[in-house]
N, C-alpha and C. Protein backbone atom coordinates (compact mmCIF):
# COMPACT_ATOMS: atom_id res chain seq x y z
N UNK A 1 -27.20 -35.05 -64.47
CA UNK A 1 -26.50 -33.94 -63.87
C UNK A 1 -26.79 -33.91 -62.37
N UNK A 2 -25.76 -33.84 -61.64
CA UNK A 2 -25.91 -33.83 -60.20
C UNK A 2 -26.45 -32.49 -59.73
N UNK A 3 -27.46 -32.54 -58.87
CA UNK A 3 -28.01 -31.33 -58.29
C UNK A 3 -28.92 -30.55 -59.22
N UNK A 4 -29.21 -31.07 -60.38
CA UNK A 4 -30.07 -30.38 -61.34
C UNK A 4 -31.34 -31.16 -61.55
N UNK A 5 -32.42 -30.44 -61.90
CA UNK A 5 -33.66 -31.11 -62.26
C UNK A 5 -33.48 -31.83 -63.58
N UNK A 6 -33.98 -33.05 -63.68
CA UNK A 6 -33.80 -33.86 -64.88
C UNK A 6 -35.04 -33.77 -65.76
N UNK A 7 -34.87 -33.22 -66.94
CA UNK A 7 -35.96 -33.12 -67.91
C UNK A 7 -36.07 -34.42 -68.68
N UNK A 8 -37.30 -34.82 -68.99
CA UNK A 8 -37.53 -35.98 -69.83
C UNK A 8 -37.52 -37.31 -69.11
N UNK A 9 -37.62 -37.31 -67.78
CA UNK A 9 -37.72 -38.57 -67.04
C UNK A 9 -39.16 -39.08 -67.13
N UNK A 10 -39.33 -40.35 -67.47
CA UNK A 10 -40.65 -40.95 -67.62
C UNK A 10 -41.22 -41.30 -66.25
N UNK A 11 -42.49 -41.01 -66.07
CA UNK A 11 -43.19 -41.29 -64.82
C UNK A 11 -44.23 -42.36 -65.06
N UNK A 12 -44.24 -43.38 -64.21
CA UNK A 12 -45.22 -44.46 -64.34
C UNK A 12 -45.70 -44.85 -62.95
N UNK A 13 -47.01 -44.73 -62.73
CA UNK A 13 -47.63 -45.11 -61.47
C UNK A 13 -48.25 -46.49 -61.62
N UNK A 14 -48.04 -47.35 -60.63
CA UNK A 14 -48.64 -48.69 -60.62
C UNK A 14 -49.61 -48.77 -59.46
N UNK A 15 -50.85 -49.14 -59.76
CA UNK A 15 -51.89 -49.27 -58.73
C UNK A 15 -51.54 -50.43 -57.80
N UNK A 16 -51.68 -50.20 -56.51
CA UNK A 16 -51.35 -51.22 -55.50
C UNK A 16 -52.55 -52.03 -55.04
N UNK A 17 -53.75 -51.51 -55.28
CA UNK A 17 -54.93 -52.20 -54.75
C UNK A 17 -56.16 -51.85 -55.59
N UNK A 18 -57.31 -52.36 -55.19
CA UNK A 18 -58.56 -52.07 -55.89
C UNK A 18 -58.69 -52.88 -57.18
N UNK A 19 -59.73 -52.60 -57.93
CA UNK A 19 -60.00 -53.36 -59.16
C UNK A 19 -58.95 -53.08 -60.25
N UNK A 20 -58.18 -52.04 -60.08
CA UNK A 20 -57.14 -51.73 -61.07
C UNK A 20 -55.75 -52.13 -60.58
N UNK A 21 -55.68 -52.95 -59.53
CA UNK A 21 -54.41 -53.38 -58.97
C UNK A 21 -53.46 -53.87 -60.07
N UNK A 22 -52.22 -53.42 -60.02
CA UNK A 22 -51.15 -53.76 -60.97
C UNK A 22 -51.25 -53.08 -62.33
N UNK A 23 -52.28 -52.27 -62.56
CA UNK A 23 -52.32 -51.50 -63.81
C UNK A 23 -51.34 -50.34 -63.70
N UNK A 24 -50.70 -50.03 -64.83
CA UNK A 24 -49.73 -48.94 -64.88
C UNK A 24 -50.36 -47.74 -65.56
N UNK A 25 -50.31 -46.62 -64.89
CA UNK A 25 -50.76 -45.35 -65.45
C UNK A 25 -49.51 -44.51 -65.72
N UNK A 26 -49.25 -44.27 -67.00
CA UNK A 26 -48.04 -43.51 -67.37
C UNK A 26 -48.34 -42.37 -68.33
N UNK A 27 -49.61 -41.99 -68.39
CA UNK A 27 -50.00 -40.90 -69.26
C UNK A 27 -51.45 -40.52 -69.04
N UNK A 28 -51.88 -39.50 -69.76
CA UNK A 28 -53.23 -39.00 -69.62
C UNK A 28 -53.88 -38.93 -71.00
N UNK A 29 -55.10 -39.36 -71.14
CA UNK A 29 -55.99 -39.95 -70.13
C UNK A 29 -55.70 -41.43 -69.90
N UNK A 30 -55.56 -41.79 -68.64
CA UNK A 30 -55.39 -43.15 -68.13
C UNK A 30 -54.92 -44.21 -69.11
N UNK A 31 -55.79 -45.16 -69.39
CA UNK A 31 -55.45 -46.32 -70.21
C UNK A 31 -55.77 -46.13 -71.70
N UNK A 32 -56.07 -44.92 -72.12
CA UNK A 32 -56.43 -44.66 -73.53
C UNK A 32 -55.21 -44.86 -74.44
N UNK A 33 -55.44 -45.41 -75.62
CA UNK A 33 -54.34 -45.64 -76.57
C UNK A 33 -53.78 -44.33 -77.10
N UNK A 34 -54.54 -43.26 -77.03
CA UNK A 34 -54.09 -41.96 -77.55
C UNK A 34 -53.54 -41.05 -76.44
N UNK A 35 -53.23 -41.63 -75.30
CA UNK A 35 -52.77 -40.83 -74.15
C UNK A 35 -51.43 -40.16 -74.44
N UNK A 36 -51.17 -39.12 -73.70
CA UNK A 36 -49.88 -38.43 -73.72
C UNK A 36 -49.09 -38.93 -72.52
N UNK A 37 -47.92 -39.52 -72.78
CA UNK A 37 -47.11 -40.05 -71.68
C UNK A 37 -46.62 -38.93 -70.78
N UNK A 38 -46.40 -39.27 -69.52
CA UNK A 38 -45.94 -38.30 -68.54
C UNK A 38 -44.42 -38.30 -68.46
N UNK A 39 -43.84 -37.13 -68.66
CA UNK A 39 -42.41 -36.91 -68.53
C UNK A 39 -42.19 -35.64 -67.73
N UNK A 40 -41.07 -35.58 -67.03
CA UNK A 40 -40.73 -34.35 -66.33
C UNK A 40 -40.40 -33.27 -67.36
N UNK A 41 -40.71 -32.04 -67.02
CA UNK A 41 -40.48 -30.92 -67.92
C UNK A 41 -39.16 -30.23 -67.63
N UNK A 42 -38.97 -29.03 -68.17
CA UNK A 42 -37.74 -28.27 -67.95
C UNK A 42 -37.46 -28.11 -66.45
N UNK A 43 -36.22 -28.32 -66.07
CA UNK A 43 -35.85 -28.21 -64.66
C UNK A 43 -36.37 -29.34 -63.80
N UNK A 44 -36.90 -30.41 -64.43
CA UNK A 44 -37.42 -31.55 -63.69
C UNK A 44 -38.83 -31.37 -63.17
N UNK A 45 -39.55 -30.37 -63.70
CA UNK A 45 -40.91 -30.09 -63.22
C UNK A 45 -41.83 -31.27 -63.50
N UNK A 46 -42.70 -31.53 -62.54
CA UNK A 46 -43.69 -32.60 -62.67
C UNK A 46 -44.78 -32.14 -63.64
N UNK A 47 -45.29 -33.03 -64.50
CA UNK A 47 -46.36 -32.62 -65.42
C UNK A 47 -47.62 -32.24 -64.65
N UNK A 48 -48.41 -31.38 -65.25
CA UNK A 48 -49.62 -30.88 -64.57
C UNK A 48 -50.87 -31.69 -64.89
N UNK A 49 -50.77 -32.64 -65.81
CA UNK A 49 -51.96 -33.38 -66.21
C UNK A 49 -52.02 -34.78 -65.61
N UNK A 50 -51.50 -34.96 -64.40
CA UNK A 50 -51.52 -36.27 -63.74
C UNK A 50 -52.77 -36.37 -62.87
N UNK A 51 -53.67 -37.22 -63.32
CA UNK A 51 -54.91 -37.49 -62.57
C UNK A 51 -54.96 -38.99 -62.38
N UNK A 52 -55.13 -39.42 -61.11
CA UNK A 52 -55.12 -40.85 -60.80
C UNK A 52 -56.38 -41.24 -60.04
N UNK A 53 -56.87 -42.48 -60.27
CA UNK A 53 -57.98 -42.99 -59.47
C UNK A 53 -57.57 -43.09 -57.99
N UNK A 54 -58.56 -43.13 -57.11
CA UNK A 54 -58.29 -43.10 -55.67
C UNK A 54 -57.97 -44.50 -55.13
N UNK A 55 -56.77 -44.97 -55.47
CA UNK A 55 -56.20 -46.19 -54.90
C UNK A 55 -54.77 -45.84 -54.47
N UNK A 56 -54.09 -46.79 -53.86
CA UNK A 56 -52.70 -46.57 -53.47
C UNK A 56 -51.79 -46.79 -54.68
N UNK A 57 -50.65 -46.04 -54.71
CA UNK A 57 -49.79 -46.05 -55.90
C UNK A 57 -48.32 -46.20 -55.57
N UNK A 58 -47.60 -46.93 -56.44
CA UNK A 58 -46.15 -46.94 -56.48
C UNK A 58 -45.75 -46.05 -57.65
N UNK A 59 -44.55 -45.53 -57.63
CA UNK A 59 -44.07 -44.68 -58.71
C UNK A 59 -42.72 -45.18 -59.20
N UNK A 60 -42.56 -45.25 -60.53
CA UNK A 60 -41.27 -45.53 -61.15
C UNK A 60 -40.87 -44.31 -61.97
N UNK A 61 -39.66 -43.80 -61.73
CA UNK A 61 -39.10 -42.69 -62.51
C UNK A 61 -37.92 -43.27 -63.28
N UNK A 62 -37.92 -43.08 -64.61
CA UNK A 62 -36.86 -43.68 -65.42
C UNK A 62 -36.43 -42.74 -66.54
N UNK A 63 -35.17 -42.86 -66.88
CA UNK A 63 -34.61 -42.10 -68.00
C UNK A 63 -33.32 -42.79 -68.43
N UNK A 64 -33.09 -42.86 -69.73
CA UNK A 64 -31.88 -43.45 -70.24
C UNK A 64 -30.67 -42.74 -69.65
N UNK A 65 -29.71 -43.51 -69.18
CA UNK A 65 -28.51 -42.94 -68.58
C UNK A 65 -28.62 -42.75 -67.07
N UNK A 66 -29.79 -43.06 -66.51
CA UNK A 66 -30.03 -42.92 -65.08
C UNK A 66 -30.57 -44.23 -64.53
N UNK A 67 -30.28 -44.50 -63.26
CA UNK A 67 -30.83 -45.67 -62.60
C UNK A 67 -32.31 -45.41 -62.32
N UNK A 68 -33.17 -46.41 -62.60
CA UNK A 68 -34.59 -46.27 -62.30
C UNK A 68 -34.77 -46.06 -60.80
N UNK A 69 -35.76 -45.25 -60.47
CA UNK A 69 -36.10 -45.02 -59.07
C UNK A 69 -37.51 -45.52 -58.87
N UNK A 70 -37.71 -46.47 -57.97
CA UNK A 70 -39.04 -46.99 -57.65
C UNK A 70 -39.35 -46.58 -56.22
N UNK A 71 -40.50 -45.95 -56.04
CA UNK A 71 -40.93 -45.51 -54.72
C UNK A 71 -42.23 -46.23 -54.39
N UNK A 72 -42.14 -47.31 -53.59
CA UNK A 72 -43.35 -48.03 -53.21
C UNK A 72 -44.23 -47.16 -52.31
N UNK A 73 -45.52 -47.19 -52.53
CA UNK A 73 -46.45 -46.46 -51.67
C UNK A 73 -46.26 -44.96 -51.69
N UNK A 74 -45.92 -44.40 -52.84
CA UNK A 74 -45.69 -42.96 -52.94
C UNK A 74 -46.98 -42.18 -52.64
N UNK A 75 -48.12 -42.77 -52.97
CA UNK A 75 -49.42 -42.17 -52.63
C UNK A 75 -50.24 -43.26 -51.94
N UNK A 76 -50.65 -42.99 -50.70
CA UNK A 76 -51.44 -43.95 -49.93
C UNK A 76 -52.73 -43.29 -49.47
N UNK A 77 -53.82 -44.01 -49.58
CA UNK A 77 -55.14 -43.55 -49.12
C UNK A 77 -55.49 -42.15 -49.61
N UNK A 78 -55.41 -41.90 -50.91
CA UNK A 78 -55.73 -40.56 -51.41
C UNK A 78 -57.21 -40.24 -51.25
N UNK A 79 -57.51 -38.98 -51.07
CA UNK A 79 -58.88 -38.50 -50.99
C UNK A 79 -59.23 -37.91 -52.35
N UNK A 80 -60.37 -38.29 -52.89
CA UNK A 80 -60.80 -37.82 -54.21
C UNK A 80 -60.75 -36.29 -54.29
N UNK A 81 -60.14 -35.79 -55.37
CA UNK A 81 -60.11 -34.36 -55.63
C UNK A 81 -59.00 -33.60 -54.93
N UNK A 82 -58.14 -34.29 -54.19
CA UNK A 82 -57.05 -33.58 -53.50
C UNK A 82 -55.79 -33.57 -54.35
N UNK A 83 -54.93 -32.61 -54.06
CA UNK A 83 -53.63 -32.51 -54.72
C UNK A 83 -52.58 -33.05 -53.77
N UNK A 84 -51.68 -33.88 -54.28
CA UNK A 84 -50.62 -34.46 -53.46
C UNK A 84 -49.28 -33.95 -53.94
N UNK A 85 -48.49 -33.43 -53.02
CA UNK A 85 -47.14 -32.97 -53.34
C UNK A 85 -46.18 -34.10 -53.03
N UNK A 86 -45.48 -34.60 -54.04
CA UNK A 86 -44.56 -35.71 -53.84
C UNK A 86 -43.17 -35.25 -53.41
N UNK A 87 -42.96 -33.94 -53.30
CA UNK A 87 -41.66 -33.42 -52.89
C UNK A 87 -40.62 -33.59 -53.97
N UNK A 88 -39.37 -33.61 -53.58
CA UNK A 88 -38.26 -33.76 -54.52
C UNK A 88 -37.93 -35.24 -54.65
N UNK A 89 -37.88 -35.71 -55.87
CA UNK A 89 -37.52 -37.10 -56.14
C UNK A 89 -36.22 -37.08 -56.92
N UNK A 90 -35.22 -37.79 -56.43
CA UNK A 90 -33.92 -37.78 -57.10
C UNK A 90 -33.68 -39.08 -57.85
N UNK A 91 -33.00 -38.96 -58.99
CA UNK A 91 -32.52 -40.14 -59.70
C UNK A 91 -31.02 -39.94 -59.93
N UNK A 92 -30.30 -41.04 -60.00
CA UNK A 92 -28.85 -40.97 -60.11
C UNK A 92 -28.39 -41.46 -61.47
N UNK A 93 -27.36 -40.81 -62.02
CA UNK A 93 -26.80 -41.32 -63.27
C UNK A 93 -26.33 -42.75 -63.08
N UNK A 94 -26.50 -43.56 -64.10
CA UNK A 94 -26.07 -44.96 -64.01
C UNK A 94 -24.78 -45.14 -64.77
N UNK A 95 -24.04 -46.13 -64.38
CA UNK A 95 -22.81 -46.49 -65.09
C UNK A 95 -23.13 -47.74 -65.88
N UNK A 96 -23.06 -47.63 -67.20
CA UNK A 96 -23.36 -48.78 -68.04
C UNK A 96 -22.11 -49.60 -68.30
N UNK A 97 -20.96 -49.06 -67.94
CA UNK A 97 -19.70 -49.75 -68.10
C UNK A 97 -19.59 -50.81 -67.00
N UNK A 98 -18.83 -51.86 -67.26
CA UNK A 98 -18.67 -52.93 -66.28
C UNK A 98 -17.87 -52.48 -65.07
N UNK A 99 -17.12 -51.40 -65.18
CA UNK A 99 -16.35 -50.91 -64.06
C UNK A 99 -17.21 -49.97 -63.24
N UNK A 100 -16.64 -49.44 -62.18
CA UNK A 100 -17.41 -48.59 -61.28
C UNK A 100 -16.98 -47.14 -61.39
N UNK A 101 -17.81 -46.27 -60.85
CA UNK A 101 -17.49 -44.85 -60.79
C UNK A 101 -18.57 -44.03 -61.45
N UNK A 102 -18.55 -42.73 -61.21
CA UNK A 102 -19.57 -41.85 -61.80
C UNK A 102 -19.44 -41.78 -63.33
N UNK A 103 -20.54 -41.48 -63.98
CA UNK A 103 -20.59 -41.39 -65.43
C UNK A 103 -19.57 -40.37 -65.94
N UNK A 104 -19.40 -39.26 -65.22
CA UNK A 104 -18.49 -38.23 -65.73
C UNK A 104 -17.06 -38.73 -65.82
N UNK A 105 -16.65 -39.73 -65.08
CA UNK A 105 -15.30 -40.28 -65.21
C UNK A 105 -15.07 -40.78 -66.63
N UNK A 106 -16.12 -41.37 -67.21
CA UNK A 106 -16.01 -41.91 -68.57
C UNK A 106 -16.20 -40.81 -69.61
N UNK A 107 -17.07 -39.88 -69.33
CA UNK A 107 -17.31 -38.76 -70.23
C UNK A 107 -16.04 -37.95 -70.47
N UNK A 108 -15.26 -37.73 -69.40
CA UNK A 108 -14.06 -36.90 -69.49
C UNK A 108 -12.78 -37.74 -69.54
N UNK A 109 -12.92 -39.04 -69.76
CA UNK A 109 -11.76 -39.95 -69.88
C UNK A 109 -10.85 -39.92 -68.66
N UNK A 110 -11.45 -39.81 -67.48
CA UNK A 110 -10.67 -39.85 -66.25
C UNK A 110 -10.12 -41.25 -66.04
N UNK A 111 -10.88 -42.26 -66.43
CA UNK A 111 -10.43 -43.64 -66.31
C UNK A 111 -10.35 -44.26 -67.69
N UNK A 112 -9.58 -45.31 -67.79
CA UNK A 112 -9.47 -46.06 -69.04
C UNK A 112 -10.59 -47.09 -69.05
N UNK A 113 -11.60 -46.88 -69.86
CA UNK A 113 -12.78 -47.74 -69.85
C UNK A 113 -12.53 -49.11 -70.49
N UNK A 114 -11.40 -49.29 -71.15
CA UNK A 114 -11.11 -50.59 -71.77
C UNK A 114 -10.03 -51.36 -71.01
N UNK A 115 -9.56 -50.80 -69.91
CA UNK A 115 -8.52 -51.48 -69.13
C UNK A 115 -9.05 -52.80 -68.59
N UNK A 116 -8.26 -53.83 -68.71
CA UNK A 116 -8.66 -55.15 -68.21
C UNK A 116 -8.48 -55.25 -66.69
N UNK A 117 -7.48 -54.54 -66.18
CA UNK A 117 -7.15 -54.61 -64.75
C UNK A 117 -7.00 -53.19 -64.22
N UNK A 118 -7.51 -52.96 -63.04
CA UNK A 118 -7.30 -51.68 -62.37
C UNK A 118 -6.52 -51.92 -61.09
N UNK A 119 -5.89 -50.88 -60.59
CA UNK A 119 -5.18 -50.98 -59.32
C UNK A 119 -5.62 -49.83 -58.44
N UNK A 120 -6.68 -50.07 -57.69
CA UNK A 120 -7.25 -49.03 -56.84
C UNK A 120 -6.40 -48.72 -55.61
N UNK A 121 -5.33 -49.49 -55.40
CA UNK A 121 -4.50 -49.29 -54.21
C UNK A 121 -3.10 -48.82 -54.55
N UNK A 122 -2.88 -48.41 -55.79
CA UNK A 122 -1.57 -47.91 -56.21
C UNK A 122 -1.34 -46.51 -55.65
N UNK A 123 -0.07 -46.14 -55.54
CA UNK A 123 0.28 -44.78 -55.11
C UNK A 123 -0.19 -43.79 -56.18
N UNK A 124 -0.40 -42.55 -55.77
CA UNK A 124 -0.89 -41.51 -56.66
C UNK A 124 0.19 -40.44 -56.80
N UNK A 125 0.34 -39.91 -58.02
CA UNK A 125 1.29 -38.81 -58.19
C UNK A 125 0.54 -37.50 -58.44
N UNK A 126 1.27 -36.41 -58.40
CA UNK A 126 0.67 -35.07 -58.51
C UNK A 126 -0.05 -34.88 -59.85
N UNK A 127 0.51 -35.43 -60.92
CA UNK A 127 -0.12 -35.30 -62.23
C UNK A 127 -1.49 -35.96 -62.27
N UNK A 128 -1.61 -37.12 -61.63
CA UNK A 128 -2.90 -37.81 -61.58
C UNK A 128 -3.92 -37.00 -60.77
N UNK A 129 -3.48 -36.43 -59.66
CA UNK A 129 -4.37 -35.60 -58.85
C UNK A 129 -4.84 -34.38 -59.64
N UNK A 130 -3.93 -33.74 -60.36
CA UNK A 130 -4.29 -32.59 -61.19
C UNK A 130 -5.25 -33.01 -62.30
N UNK A 131 -5.01 -34.20 -62.89
CA UNK A 131 -5.85 -34.69 -63.98
C UNK A 131 -7.30 -34.88 -63.52
N UNK A 132 -7.50 -35.56 -62.41
CA UNK A 132 -8.88 -35.79 -61.95
C UNK A 132 -9.52 -34.50 -61.48
N UNK A 133 -8.75 -33.62 -60.84
CA UNK A 133 -9.30 -32.33 -60.40
C UNK A 133 -9.71 -31.48 -61.60
N UNK A 134 -8.90 -31.47 -62.65
CA UNK A 134 -9.21 -30.69 -63.85
C UNK A 134 -10.47 -31.22 -64.53
N UNK A 135 -10.62 -32.53 -64.59
CA UNK A 135 -11.80 -33.10 -65.24
C UNK A 135 -13.05 -32.97 -64.37
N UNK A 136 -12.89 -33.00 -63.06
CA UNK A 136 -14.03 -32.71 -62.18
C UNK A 136 -14.48 -31.27 -62.39
N UNK A 137 -13.52 -30.37 -62.52
CA UNK A 137 -13.82 -28.97 -62.81
C UNK A 137 -14.58 -28.85 -64.14
N UNK A 138 -14.10 -29.54 -65.18
CA UNK A 138 -14.78 -29.51 -66.48
C UNK A 138 -16.23 -29.98 -66.38
N UNK A 139 -16.45 -31.05 -65.61
CA UNK A 139 -17.82 -31.55 -65.43
C UNK A 139 -18.68 -30.54 -64.68
N UNK A 140 -18.15 -29.94 -63.64
CA UNK A 140 -18.91 -28.94 -62.89
C UNK A 140 -19.23 -27.73 -63.75
N UNK A 141 -18.28 -27.33 -64.60
CA UNK A 141 -18.52 -26.18 -65.48
C UNK A 141 -19.69 -26.44 -66.42
N UNK A 142 -19.82 -27.67 -66.91
CA UNK A 142 -20.88 -27.98 -67.87
C UNK A 142 -22.18 -28.43 -67.21
N UNK A 143 -22.10 -29.02 -66.02
CA UNK A 143 -23.28 -29.64 -65.41
C UNK A 143 -23.98 -28.79 -64.36
N UNK A 144 -23.28 -27.85 -63.76
CA UNK A 144 -23.87 -27.07 -62.68
C UNK A 144 -24.23 -25.67 -63.14
N UNK A 145 -25.38 -25.19 -62.73
CA UNK A 145 -25.75 -23.81 -63.01
C UNK A 145 -24.75 -22.90 -62.33
N UNK A 146 -24.13 -22.03 -63.07
CA UNK A 146 -23.12 -21.15 -62.51
C UNK A 146 -21.72 -21.74 -62.53
N UNK A 147 -21.59 -22.97 -63.01
CA UNK A 147 -20.27 -23.59 -63.13
C UNK A 147 -19.69 -24.05 -61.81
N UNK A 148 -18.38 -24.23 -61.81
CA UNK A 148 -17.68 -24.80 -60.66
C UNK A 148 -17.47 -23.80 -59.53
N UNK A 149 -17.52 -22.53 -59.82
CA UNK A 149 -17.29 -21.52 -58.79
C UNK A 149 -15.86 -21.04 -58.79
N UNK A 150 -15.63 -19.93 -58.12
CA UNK A 150 -14.32 -19.27 -58.18
C UNK A 150 -13.23 -20.04 -57.43
N UNK A 151 -13.56 -20.70 -56.34
CA UNK A 151 -12.55 -21.43 -55.57
C UNK A 151 -11.95 -22.56 -56.39
N UNK A 152 -12.83 -23.37 -56.98
CA UNK A 152 -12.37 -24.50 -57.79
C UNK A 152 -11.66 -23.98 -59.04
N UNK A 153 -12.22 -22.97 -59.67
CA UNK A 153 -11.62 -22.40 -60.87
C UNK A 153 -10.21 -21.88 -60.58
N UNK A 154 -10.04 -21.17 -59.50
CA UNK A 154 -8.72 -20.63 -59.13
C UNK A 154 -7.73 -21.76 -58.88
N UNK A 155 -8.19 -22.81 -58.20
CA UNK A 155 -7.29 -23.93 -57.92
C UNK A 155 -6.82 -24.58 -59.23
N UNK A 156 -7.75 -24.91 -60.11
CA UNK A 156 -7.40 -25.61 -61.35
C UNK A 156 -6.57 -24.72 -62.27
N UNK A 157 -6.94 -23.45 -62.38
CA UNK A 157 -6.17 -22.54 -63.24
C UNK A 157 -4.77 -22.29 -62.69
N UNK A 158 -4.58 -22.55 -61.41
CA UNK A 158 -3.27 -22.35 -60.79
C UNK A 158 -2.34 -23.55 -60.91
N UNK A 159 -2.81 -24.66 -61.47
CA UNK A 159 -1.95 -25.83 -61.62
C UNK A 159 -0.78 -25.52 -62.54
N UNK A 160 0.40 -25.98 -62.18
CA UNK A 160 1.60 -25.86 -63.00
C UNK A 160 1.86 -27.19 -63.69
N UNK A 161 2.59 -27.16 -64.78
CA UNK A 161 2.90 -28.39 -65.50
C UNK A 161 4.19 -29.04 -65.02
N UNK A 162 4.62 -28.68 -63.84
CA UNK A 162 5.85 -29.23 -63.27
C UNK A 162 5.53 -30.17 -62.12
N UNK A 163 6.48 -30.98 -61.74
CA UNK A 163 6.39 -31.89 -60.59
C UNK A 163 5.24 -32.89 -60.68
N UNK A 164 4.85 -33.25 -61.88
CA UNK A 164 3.72 -34.16 -62.05
C UNK A 164 3.98 -35.57 -61.56
N UNK A 165 5.26 -35.97 -61.48
CA UNK A 165 5.57 -37.34 -61.10
C UNK A 165 5.92 -37.48 -59.63
N UNK A 166 5.77 -36.43 -58.88
CA UNK A 166 6.01 -36.52 -57.43
C UNK A 166 4.84 -37.19 -56.75
N UNK A 167 5.15 -37.98 -55.75
CA UNK A 167 4.09 -38.65 -54.99
C UNK A 167 3.31 -37.63 -54.19
N UNK A 168 2.03 -37.90 -54.01
CA UNK A 168 1.21 -37.06 -53.14
C UNK A 168 0.77 -37.88 -51.95
N UNK A 169 0.53 -37.21 -50.84
CA UNK A 169 0.08 -37.92 -49.65
C UNK A 169 -1.40 -37.62 -49.40
N UNK A 170 -1.98 -38.29 -48.46
CA UNK A 170 -3.40 -38.14 -48.17
C UNK A 170 -3.76 -36.72 -47.79
N UNK A 171 -2.88 -36.04 -47.07
CA UNK A 171 -3.13 -34.65 -46.69
C UNK A 171 -3.27 -33.74 -47.91
N UNK A 172 -2.45 -33.97 -48.94
CA UNK A 172 -2.54 -33.17 -50.16
C UNK A 172 -3.85 -33.44 -50.90
N UNK A 173 -4.28 -34.70 -50.93
CA UNK A 173 -5.55 -35.05 -51.57
C UNK A 173 -6.70 -34.37 -50.82
N UNK A 174 -6.68 -34.42 -49.50
CA UNK A 174 -7.72 -33.78 -48.69
C UNK A 174 -7.74 -32.27 -48.91
N UNK A 175 -6.57 -31.66 -48.99
CA UNK A 175 -6.48 -30.21 -49.17
C UNK A 175 -7.12 -29.81 -50.50
N UNK A 176 -6.85 -30.55 -51.57
CA UNK A 176 -7.42 -30.25 -52.87
C UNK A 176 -8.93 -30.52 -52.87
N UNK A 177 -9.35 -31.53 -52.12
CA UNK A 177 -10.78 -31.87 -52.06
C UNK A 177 -11.60 -30.79 -51.39
N UNK A 178 -11.00 -30.05 -50.45
CA UNK A 178 -11.74 -29.03 -49.72
C UNK A 178 -12.31 -27.97 -50.63
N UNK A 179 -11.69 -27.74 -51.77
CA UNK A 179 -12.17 -26.73 -52.70
C UNK A 179 -13.57 -27.04 -53.25
N UNK A 180 -13.90 -28.33 -53.32
CA UNK A 180 -15.18 -28.71 -53.90
C UNK A 180 -16.22 -29.12 -52.86
N UNK A 181 -15.84 -29.15 -51.61
CA UNK A 181 -16.81 -29.57 -50.58
C UNK A 181 -17.58 -28.41 -50.02
């Protein structure tokens, strides 16, 4: 979900130096077989039981459906007993399909995922513009806290089922895009 904290992302720290260089710490307690793995909590909150030895660390954040995020040197020269705030770490949804585009295009059938050939340079008609705008609205309604908002909702609810085969120009695409920017 864009702009939302991701729950259930796995966290794995890799030691960069010292006698534990290249060891992966992904749970607590450390290397114990009975450890509890580290995952982000509700709203993407960082777990509170992360304790690491005082070496430099890389961080990998991973979750099915998202591109892994690796942050080299996320913790450098830590001082024993200090708390480190890593700030906001973002991960992006991944596209597992061979074609390109955001995951929601496939979720809402905006594109034909089995098409052998695409034509990214073809002219666009009003019906196609309404189709993608309506499905973007559907994704925002389900993925964003508070939904798509009144401007986008008013625009989509105001679509008529007429003139769908008329060509649209770049100015019309830009005008419709302003509602979501």
